Amino acid sequence: MSTDKKQAALASGDDKKARKGKKDAQLLIRIHSEERDEFISLCEELDTTAARELRRFIRQFIKDHQHD
């Protein structure tokens, strides 16, 4: 995102993307193909993506288990 776009996003109050920055890591996991296929199908039915749901799970897991 260009600096102008970031500033416009911040000015409009839509700063979520400008704040978070680019994702720069990957996580490779091995699961049974049947589970993967069912997960992908459910995500499509719920109008979401597997990546979005996994990121949401990871964020919540960290929040639930962080030691303050």
C-alpha atoms as a PDB file:
ATOM      1  CA  MET A   1       0.000   0.000   0.000  1.00  0.00           C
ATOM      2  CA  SER A   2       1.442   3.352  -0.954  1.00  0.00           C
ATOM      3  CA  THR A   3       2.021   6.075   1.605  1.00  0.00           C
ATOM      4  CA  ASP A   4      -0.808   8.151   0.110  1.00  0.00           C
ATOM      5  CA  LYS A   5      -3.217   5.225   0.385  1.00  0.00           C
ATOM      6  CA  LYS A   6      -2.136   4.530   3.962  1.00  0.00           C
ATOM      7  CA  GLN A   7      -2.681   8.159   4.892  1.00  0.00           C
ATOM      8  CA  ALA A   8      -6.090   8.152   3.192  1.00  0.00           C
ATOM      9  CA  ALA A   9      -7.047   4.958   5.038  1.00  0.00           C
ATOM     10  CA  LEU A  10      -5.940   6.446   8.348  1.00  0.00           C
ATOM     11  CA  ALA A  11      -7.814   9.678   7.666  1.00  0.00           C
ATOM     12  CA  SER A  12     -10.993   7.797   6.791  1.00  0.00           C
ATOM     13  CA  GLY A  13     -10.786   5.633   9.897  1.00  0.00           C
ATOM     14  CA  ASP A  14     -10.230   2.496   7.803  1.00  0.00           C
ATOM     15  CA  ASP A  15      -6.753   1.895   9.146  1.00  0.00           C
ATOM     16  CA  LYS A  16      -6.971  -1.858   9.790  1.00  0.00           C
ATOM     17  CA  LYS A  17      -5.006  -2.804   6.671  1.00  0.00           C
ATOM     18  CA  ALA A  18      -2.577   0.083   7.024  1.00  0.00           C
ATOM     19  CA  ARG A  19      -1.768  -0.965  10.604  1.00  0.00           C
ATOM     20  CA  LYS A  20      -1.303  -4.681  10.154  1.00  0.00           C
ATOM     21  CA  GLY A  21       1.160  -4.633   7.281  1.00  0.00           C
ATOM     22  CA  LYS A  22       1.979  -7.406   4.877  1.00  0.00           C
ATOM     23  CA  LYS A  23       1.839 -10.997   6.036  1.00  0.00           C
ATOM     24  CA  ASP A  24       5.331 -12.442   5.693  1.00  0.00           C
ATOM     25  CA  ALA A  25       5.266 -16.011   7.034  1.00  0.00           C
ATOM     26  CA  GLN A  26       3.749 -19.337   6.124  1.00  0.00           C
ATOM     27  CA  LEU A  27       2.763 -22.354   8.190  1.00  0.00           C
ATOM     28  CA  LEU A  28       2.835 -25.762   6.546  1.00  0.00           C
ATOM     29  CA  ILE A  29       0.766 -28.492   8.182  1.00  0.00           C
ATOM     30  CA  ARG A  30      -0.026 -32.044   7.186  1.00  0.00           C
ATOM     31  CA  ILE A  31      -3.599 -33.271   7.594  1.00  0.00           C
ATOM     32  CA  HIS A  32      -5.708 -36.012   6.057  1.00  0.00           C
ATOM     33  CA  SER A  33      -7.005 -35.034   2.623  1.00  0.00           C
ATOM     34  CA  GLU A  34     -10.574 -35.866   3.672  1.00  0.00           C
ATOM     35  CA  GLU A  35     -10.376 -33.382   6.564  1.00  0.00           C
ATOM     36  CA  ARG A  36      -8.846 -30.734   4.314  1.00  0.00           C
ATOM     37  CA  ASP A  37     -11.529 -31.206   1.669  1.00  0.00           C
ATOM     38  CA  GLU A  38     -14.334 -31.010   4.234  1.00  0.00           C
ATOM     39  CA  PHE A  39     -12.794 -27.904   5.823  1.00  0.00           C
ATOM     40  CA  ILE A  40     -12.465 -26.179   2.438  1.00  0.00           C
ATOM     41  CA  SER A  41     -16.066 -27.074   1.558  1.00  0.00           C
ATOM     42  CA  LEU A  42     -17.379 -25.725   4.852  1.00  0.00           C
ATOM     43  CA  CYS A  43     -15.410 -22.525   4.425  1.00  0.00           C
ATOM     44  CA  GLU A  44     -16.901 -22.046   0.960  1.00  0.00           C
ATOM     45  CA  GLU A  45     -20.412 -22.667   2.318  1.00  0.00           C
ATOM     46  CA  LEU A  46     -19.773 -20.042   5.003  1.00  0.00           C
ATOM     47  CA  ASP A  47     -18.370 -17.568   2.450  1.00  0.00           C
ATOM     48  CA  THR A  48     -14.925 -17.471   4.015  1.00  0.00           C
ATOM     49  CA  THR A  49     -11.499 -18.875   3.251  1.00  0.00           C
ATOM     50  CA  ALA A  50      -9.449 -21.540   4.968  1.00  0.00           C
ATOM     51  CA  ALA A  51      -6.607 -19.059   5.467  1.00  0.00           C
ATOM     52  CA  ARG A  52      -8.896 -16.499   7.101  1.00  0.00           C
ATOM     53  CA  GLU A  53     -10.332 -19.076   9.489  1.00  0.00           C
ATOM     54  CA  LEU A  54      -6.909 -20.459  10.399  1.00  0.00           C
ATOM     55  CA  ARG A  55      -5.575 -16.946  11.062  1.00  0.00           C
ATOM     56  CA  ARG A  56      -8.630 -16.232  13.210  1.00  0.00           C
ATOM     57  CA  PHE A  57      -8.061 -19.467  15.147  1.00  0.00           C
ATOM     58  CA  ILE A  58      -4.370 -18.672  15.696  1.00  0.00           C
ATOM     59  CA  ARG A  59      -5.106 -15.123  16.911  1.00  0.00           C
ATOM     60  CA  GLN A  60      -7.755 -16.374  19.344  1.00  0.00           C
ATOM     61  CA  PHE A  61      -5.525 -19.225  20.548  1.00  0.00           C
ATOM     62  CA  ILE A  62      -2.700 -16.780  21.281  1.00  0.00           C
ATOM     63  CA  LYS A  63      -5.089 -14.419  23.050  1.00  0.00           C
ATOM     64  CA  ASP A  64      -6.542 -17.241  25.166  1.00  0.00           C
ATOM     65  CA  HIS A  65      -3.161 -18.649  26.179  1.00  0.00           C
ATOM     66  CA  GLN A  66      -0.938 -15.591  26.521  1.00  0.00           C
ATOM     67  CA  HIS A  67       0.605 -15.065  29.897  1.00  0.00           C
ATOM     68  CA  ASP A  68       0.268 -11.471  31.004  1.00  0.00           C
END
